[in-house]
Amino acid sequence: MKNTGFKASSFRIILVFILALNVFIIVGGFYLSYQKLNDYASKVYSIAPTAFSDNEQDTITKKLKEEADNNRSISDKANNVILVEQNYQGQVIIDLNKYASLSGIPLPTYNFNATESTTSSIPSIQGINIKSFIITINEPIEYSSLIKFLKYIETNRPVIQITGINISRDSNNKVLVNPINARVYTK
């Protein structure tokens, strides 16, 4: 065999050199990758709080809209509890005449010039007024019809509250209704 001049010691130097070069490449690659990841993490970290807060705001906004939509019927009912002061008498007359017809009693008469004692324990709410009136039924009526009429009044929207009633029985087992005191709330 012919000797090419490649000795074990020179081969060892070449292997050490290749090993050192591999270590240098691996360490350099690791360092460069670390720097790139660190830069990318810094960018994400600076963007994340605003992205999270925008997403959070969107979530809160969506939840509030859903809640408002779910409670719209409650809001509508609350708005219908109180009458507008300019047309409350007409609305009360229409409602009470309808309830009288449904109950089978003759159409009552109304006195909107009535005043109610203010000694009752009604809390005053700014912007809300109490309007009292008297309902008069001039004929004797069936007791069950009176109860129906009062139920319609008490469960209607807008709210009409009965504040006083006096009834007595006549000789034909019907009831005589002395004036019914009532009130509504206006704004």
Foldseek 3Di string as FASTA:
>chain_A
DDDPPDDPVNVVVVVVVVVVVVVVVVVVVVVVVVVVVVVVVVVCVVVVVVVVVVVVVVVVVVVVVVVCVVCVVVVVLVVQQAAAPVCPVVVVLVQLQVQLVVLVAPRWDKAQVDDDDPPDPDDDDPPKDKGKMKTARDDFAAPSSVVSSVVSQCPDTRHKAFPDWDWDADPVRTIHTGITMIIGMHD
